[in-house]
N, C-alpha and C. Protein backbone atom coordinates (compact mmCIF):
# COMPACT_ATOMS: atom_id res chain seq x y z
N MET A 1 1.12 17.17 87.21
CA MET A 1 -0.33 17.11 87.14
C MET A 1 -0.75 16.68 85.74
N LYS A 2 -1.71 15.80 85.67
CA LYS A 2 -2.18 15.25 84.41
C LYS A 2 -3.05 16.26 83.66
N ASN A 3 -2.82 16.40 82.35
CA ASN A 3 -3.64 17.28 81.53
C ASN A 3 -5.01 16.64 81.32
N LYS A 4 -6.04 17.47 81.35
CA LYS A 4 -7.39 16.98 81.12
C LYS A 4 -7.59 16.74 79.62
N THR A 5 -8.08 15.56 79.31
CA THR A 5 -8.39 15.25 77.92
C THR A 5 -9.87 15.51 77.68
N ALA A 6 -10.26 15.42 76.44
CA ALA A 6 -11.68 15.62 76.09
C ALA A 6 -12.53 14.54 76.75
N TRP A 7 -11.99 13.33 76.84
CA TRP A 7 -12.74 12.23 77.47
C TRP A 7 -12.97 12.51 78.95
N ASP A 8 -11.97 13.08 79.63
CA ASP A 8 -12.13 13.43 81.04
C ASP A 8 -13.23 14.46 81.22
N GLU A 9 -13.32 15.42 80.31
CA GLU A 9 -14.37 16.43 80.39
C GLU A 9 -15.74 15.82 80.14
N VAL A 10 -15.83 14.87 79.21
CA VAL A 10 -17.09 14.20 78.94
C VAL A 10 -17.53 13.39 80.17
N LYS A 11 -16.57 12.68 80.79
CA LYS A 11 -16.91 11.91 81.99
C LYS A 11 -17.37 12.82 83.11
N ALA A 12 -16.69 13.95 83.33
CA ALA A 12 -17.08 14.89 84.37
C ALA A 12 -18.46 15.46 84.10
N PHE A 13 -18.75 15.75 82.84
CA PHE A 13 -20.06 16.27 82.45
C PHE A 13 -21.15 15.24 82.73
N ALA A 14 -20.90 13.98 82.38
CA ALA A 14 -21.89 12.92 82.60
C ALA A 14 -22.12 12.68 84.09
N ILE A 15 -21.06 12.71 84.87
CA ILE A 15 -21.20 12.50 86.32
C ILE A 15 -22.00 13.64 86.94
N GLU A 16 -21.72 14.85 86.55
CA GLU A 16 -22.46 16.00 87.09
C GLU A 16 -23.92 15.96 86.67
N LEU A 17 -24.19 15.47 85.48
CA LEU A 17 -25.55 15.41 84.96
C LEU A 17 -26.43 14.47 85.78
N VAL A 18 -25.86 13.36 86.23
CA VAL A 18 -26.66 12.36 86.94
C VAL A 18 -26.48 12.36 88.45
N SER A 19 -25.56 13.17 88.96
CA SER A 19 -25.33 13.16 90.41
C SER A 19 -26.48 13.81 91.16
N LYS A 20 -26.68 13.35 92.40
CA LYS A 20 -27.75 13.91 93.23
C LYS A 20 -27.38 15.32 93.64
N LYS A 21 -28.38 16.17 93.68
CA LYS A 21 -28.17 17.57 94.05
C LYS A 21 -28.78 17.81 95.43
N THR A 22 -28.15 18.69 96.21
CA THR A 22 -28.73 19.07 97.49
C THR A 22 -29.91 19.99 97.24
N GLU A 23 -30.70 20.21 98.25
CA GLU A 23 -31.87 21.07 98.10
C GLU A 23 -31.46 22.49 97.71
N ALA A 24 -30.37 22.99 98.29
CA ALA A 24 -29.89 24.33 97.96
C ALA A 24 -29.45 24.41 96.50
N GLN A 25 -28.80 23.37 96.00
CA GLN A 25 -28.38 23.34 94.60
C GLN A 25 -29.58 23.29 93.67
N GLN A 26 -30.61 22.55 94.06
CA GLN A 26 -31.82 22.48 93.24
C GLN A 26 -32.50 23.83 93.16
N ILE A 27 -32.57 24.55 94.28
CA ILE A 27 -33.19 25.87 94.29
C ILE A 27 -32.37 26.84 93.46
N ALA A 28 -31.04 26.78 93.59
CA ALA A 28 -30.16 27.69 92.85
C ALA A 28 -30.23 27.44 91.35
N ARG A 29 -30.52 26.23 90.93
CA ARG A 29 -30.54 25.90 89.51
C ARG A 29 -31.93 26.01 88.90
N LYS A 30 -32.89 26.53 89.63
CA LYS A 30 -34.25 26.67 89.12
C LYS A 30 -34.23 27.64 87.94
N PRO A 31 -34.68 27.19 86.77
CA PRO A 31 -34.59 28.05 85.58
C PRO A 31 -35.60 29.20 85.60
N SER A 32 -35.21 30.30 85.01
CA SER A 32 -36.13 31.43 84.86
C SER A 32 -37.06 31.15 83.69
N GLY A 33 -38.07 32.00 83.52
CA GLY A 33 -39.00 31.84 82.41
C GLY A 33 -38.30 31.96 81.07
N LYS A 34 -37.34 32.89 81.00
CA LYS A 34 -36.59 33.11 79.76
C LYS A 34 -35.75 31.86 79.42
N GLN A 35 -35.10 31.30 80.44
CA GLN A 35 -34.28 30.11 80.22
C GLN A 35 -35.17 28.92 79.85
N PHE A 36 -36.34 28.82 80.47
CA PHE A 36 -37.26 27.74 80.15
C PHE A 36 -37.73 27.83 78.69
N ALA A 37 -38.07 29.04 78.25
CA ALA A 37 -38.50 29.24 76.87
C ALA A 37 -37.37 28.88 75.89
N LEU A 38 -36.14 29.25 76.25
CA LEU A 38 -34.99 28.91 75.42
C LEU A 38 -34.81 27.39 75.34
N GLU A 39 -34.97 26.72 76.47
CA GLU A 39 -34.82 25.27 76.50
C GLU A 39 -35.91 24.60 75.66
N ILE A 40 -37.13 25.08 75.75
CA ILE A 40 -38.22 24.53 74.93
C ILE A 40 -37.91 24.74 73.44
N GLY A 41 -37.40 25.91 73.09
CA GLY A 41 -37.03 26.17 71.70
C GLY A 41 -35.95 25.21 71.21
N ILE A 42 -34.96 24.97 72.06
CA ILE A 42 -33.89 24.02 71.71
C ILE A 42 -34.46 22.62 71.53
N PHE A 43 -35.32 22.19 72.46
CA PHE A 43 -35.93 20.87 72.35
C PHE A 43 -36.73 20.74 71.06
N ILE A 44 -37.52 21.74 70.74
CA ILE A 44 -38.34 21.69 69.52
C ILE A 44 -37.46 21.58 68.28
N GLY A 45 -36.39 22.37 68.23
CA GLY A 45 -35.48 22.31 67.09
C GLY A 45 -34.82 20.96 66.93
N ILE A 46 -34.34 20.40 68.03
CA ILE A 46 -33.66 19.11 67.96
C ILE A 46 -34.63 17.99 67.60
N VAL A 47 -35.83 18.01 68.19
CA VAL A 47 -36.82 16.97 67.88
C VAL A 47 -37.25 17.05 66.42
N LEU A 48 -37.45 18.25 65.90
CA LEU A 48 -37.83 18.38 64.49
C LEU A 48 -36.72 17.86 63.56
N CYS A 49 -35.47 18.21 63.88
CA CYS A 49 -34.35 17.70 63.08
C CYS A 49 -34.31 16.17 63.12
N TYR A 50 -34.46 15.61 64.31
CA TYR A 50 -34.46 14.15 64.46
C TYR A 50 -35.59 13.53 63.65
N PHE A 51 -36.78 14.10 63.76
CA PHE A 51 -37.94 13.58 63.04
C PHE A 51 -37.70 13.55 61.54
N PHE A 52 -37.22 14.66 60.98
CA PHE A 52 -37.02 14.71 59.54
C PHE A 52 -35.84 13.85 59.08
N LEU A 53 -34.81 13.71 59.92
CA LEU A 53 -33.71 12.82 59.56
C LEU A 53 -34.19 11.37 59.52
N VAL A 54 -34.92 10.94 60.55
CA VAL A 54 -35.43 9.56 60.56
C VAL A 54 -36.41 9.36 59.42
N LEU A 55 -37.28 10.34 59.19
CA LEU A 55 -38.27 10.23 58.12
C LEU A 55 -37.60 10.11 56.76
N SER A 56 -36.55 10.90 56.54
CA SER A 56 -35.92 10.88 55.21
C SER A 56 -34.96 9.71 55.02
N PHE A 57 -34.25 9.30 56.07
CA PHE A 57 -33.23 8.26 55.89
C PHE A 57 -33.70 6.85 56.27
N LEU A 58 -34.60 6.72 57.22
CA LEU A 58 -34.94 5.39 57.73
C LEU A 58 -36.37 4.95 57.43
N SER A 59 -37.18 5.78 56.79
CA SER A 59 -38.60 5.43 56.63
C SER A 59 -38.81 4.15 55.83
N ASN A 60 -38.13 3.99 54.71
CA ASN A 60 -38.30 2.78 53.89
C ASN A 60 -37.82 1.54 54.64
N TRP A 61 -36.66 1.66 55.27
CA TRP A 61 -36.10 0.52 56.02
C TRP A 61 -37.03 0.13 57.17
N LEU A 62 -37.55 1.13 57.90
CA LEU A 62 -38.45 0.83 59.01
C LEU A 62 -39.76 0.22 58.51
N LYS A 63 -40.27 0.69 57.39
CA LYS A 63 -41.50 0.13 56.82
C LYS A 63 -41.29 -1.33 56.43
N ASN A 64 -40.16 -1.63 55.77
CA ASN A 64 -39.88 -3.02 55.41
C ASN A 64 -39.68 -3.89 56.65
N LEU A 65 -39.02 -3.36 57.65
CA LEU A 65 -38.82 -4.09 58.89
C LEU A 65 -40.16 -4.38 59.56
N PHE A 66 -41.06 -3.41 59.57
CA PHE A 66 -42.39 -3.58 60.15
C PHE A 66 -43.17 -4.66 59.40
N ASP A 67 -43.07 -4.66 58.08
CA ASP A 67 -43.81 -5.63 57.27
C ASP A 67 -43.29 -7.05 57.44
N HIS A 68 -41.98 -7.22 57.68
CA HIS A 68 -41.38 -8.55 57.71
C HIS A 68 -41.16 -9.11 59.11
N ASN A 69 -40.83 -8.28 60.08
CA ASN A 69 -40.54 -8.81 61.42
C ASN A 69 -40.89 -7.75 62.46
N LYS A 70 -42.05 -7.91 63.04
CA LYS A 70 -42.55 -6.90 63.99
C LYS A 70 -41.77 -6.88 65.29
N LEU A 71 -41.21 -8.01 65.70
CA LEU A 71 -40.44 -8.05 66.94
C LEU A 71 -39.16 -7.22 66.82
N ILE A 72 -38.44 -7.41 65.74
CA ILE A 72 -37.22 -6.62 65.53
C ILE A 72 -37.58 -5.16 65.33
N TYR A 73 -38.68 -4.89 64.63
CA TYR A 73 -39.14 -3.51 64.46
C TYR A 73 -39.41 -2.86 65.81
N ALA A 74 -40.05 -3.58 66.72
CA ALA A 74 -40.35 -3.03 68.04
C ALA A 74 -39.07 -2.71 68.81
N VAL A 75 -38.09 -3.58 68.73
CA VAL A 75 -36.81 -3.34 69.42
C VAL A 75 -36.10 -2.14 68.80
N VAL A 76 -36.08 -2.06 67.49
CA VAL A 76 -35.42 -0.94 66.81
C VAL A 76 -36.14 0.37 67.13
N ALA A 77 -37.47 0.35 67.11
CA ALA A 77 -38.23 1.56 67.43
C ALA A 77 -37.97 2.00 68.86
N TRP A 78 -37.94 1.06 69.78
CA TRP A 78 -37.62 1.39 71.18
C TRP A 78 -36.23 1.98 71.30
N ALA A 79 -35.26 1.39 70.60
CA ALA A 79 -33.89 1.90 70.65
C ALA A 79 -33.81 3.31 70.07
N LEU A 80 -34.53 3.58 69.00
CA LEU A 80 -34.56 4.93 68.42
C LEU A 80 -35.16 5.93 69.41
N ILE A 81 -36.23 5.54 70.07
CA ILE A 81 -36.88 6.44 71.04
C ILE A 81 -35.96 6.70 72.23
N ALA A 82 -35.36 5.64 72.78
CA ALA A 82 -34.47 5.79 73.93
C ALA A 82 -33.23 6.59 73.55
N GLY A 83 -32.66 6.28 72.40
CA GLY A 83 -31.48 7.01 71.94
C GLY A 83 -31.77 8.48 71.71
N GLN A 84 -32.93 8.77 71.16
CA GLN A 84 -33.33 10.16 70.94
C GLN A 84 -33.45 10.90 72.26
N GLY A 85 -34.02 10.25 73.27
CA GLY A 85 -34.17 10.89 74.58
C GLY A 85 -32.83 11.22 75.20
N VAL A 86 -31.90 10.29 75.15
CA VAL A 86 -30.57 10.51 75.74
C VAL A 86 -29.83 11.61 74.98
N VAL A 87 -29.82 11.51 73.68
CA VAL A 87 -29.11 12.51 72.87
C VAL A 87 -29.75 13.89 73.02
N LEU A 88 -31.06 13.93 73.06
CA LEU A 88 -31.77 15.20 73.25
C LEU A 88 -31.37 15.86 74.56
N GLU A 89 -31.34 15.09 75.63
CA GLU A 89 -31.00 15.65 76.93
C GLU A 89 -29.55 16.15 76.96
N VAL A 90 -28.63 15.36 76.46
CA VAL A 90 -27.21 15.75 76.47
C VAL A 90 -26.99 16.99 75.60
N LEU A 91 -27.57 17.00 74.40
CA LEU A 91 -27.42 18.16 73.52
C LEU A 91 -28.03 19.42 74.13
N ALA A 92 -29.21 19.28 74.71
CA ALA A 92 -29.87 20.45 75.30
C ALA A 92 -29.06 21.01 76.46
N VAL A 93 -28.55 20.15 77.33
CA VAL A 93 -27.74 20.62 78.46
C VAL A 93 -26.47 21.29 77.96
N ALA A 94 -25.81 20.68 76.98
CA ALA A 94 -24.59 21.25 76.44
C ALA A 94 -24.85 22.60 75.78
N LEU A 95 -25.93 22.70 75.00
CA LEU A 95 -26.26 23.98 74.36
C LEU A 95 -26.62 25.04 75.39
N LEU A 96 -27.38 24.67 76.41
CA LEU A 96 -27.73 25.64 77.45
C LEU A 96 -26.50 26.13 78.18
N ARG A 97 -25.56 25.24 78.45
CA ARG A 97 -24.31 25.66 79.11
C ARG A 97 -23.52 26.60 78.22
N ALA A 98 -23.45 26.29 76.94
CA ALA A 98 -22.71 27.16 76.02
C ALA A 98 -23.36 28.52 75.91
N ILE A 99 -24.67 28.54 75.84
CA ILE A 99 -25.39 29.82 75.73
C ILE A 99 -25.25 30.59 77.04
N LYS A 100 -25.39 29.89 78.16
CA LYS A 100 -25.31 30.57 79.46
C LYS A 100 -23.90 31.15 79.68
N SER A 101 -22.86 30.43 79.27
CA SER A 101 -21.49 30.93 79.45
C SER A 101 -21.24 32.16 78.58
N LYS A 102 -21.88 32.23 77.43
CA LYS A 102 -21.69 33.40 76.55
C LYS A 102 -22.52 34.61 77.01
N THR A 103 -23.65 34.34 77.66
CA THR A 103 -24.50 35.44 78.12
C THR A 103 -24.10 35.96 79.49
N ASP A 104 -23.36 35.19 80.25
CA ASP A 104 -22.94 35.65 81.59
C ASP A 104 -21.72 36.51 81.56
C-alpha cells in the first residue's frame, strides 16, 4: 500500500472542499452560533493581516503601477483580490478543522 504524502492530503482536502454535498451532509455540517462566531473572528484576523501586509509591502509599487499603467494595475488588483479570497477560504477551513479536532 502506498504511503500518503503531504501532496495527497492537500489534493484530498481540495477535492472535499469543492465536492457536492448531499442534503443530509449539508444539514449535518450546519455551523452552530459559536462556530460561526469563531469563523468570523478567523476571517477578520486573516483579512486584517492581509490588509496590513499589502499596505506595508505593496503600497508604493501599486501606486506607481496605478500612475503609469492602469490596465496592468487593474489586472494586478483583481489577482490580489481573487488570491486573497482563495487563500482566506483555505486558511479558514484548515484552521476550523484544526480547532474542531482539538476541541472534540
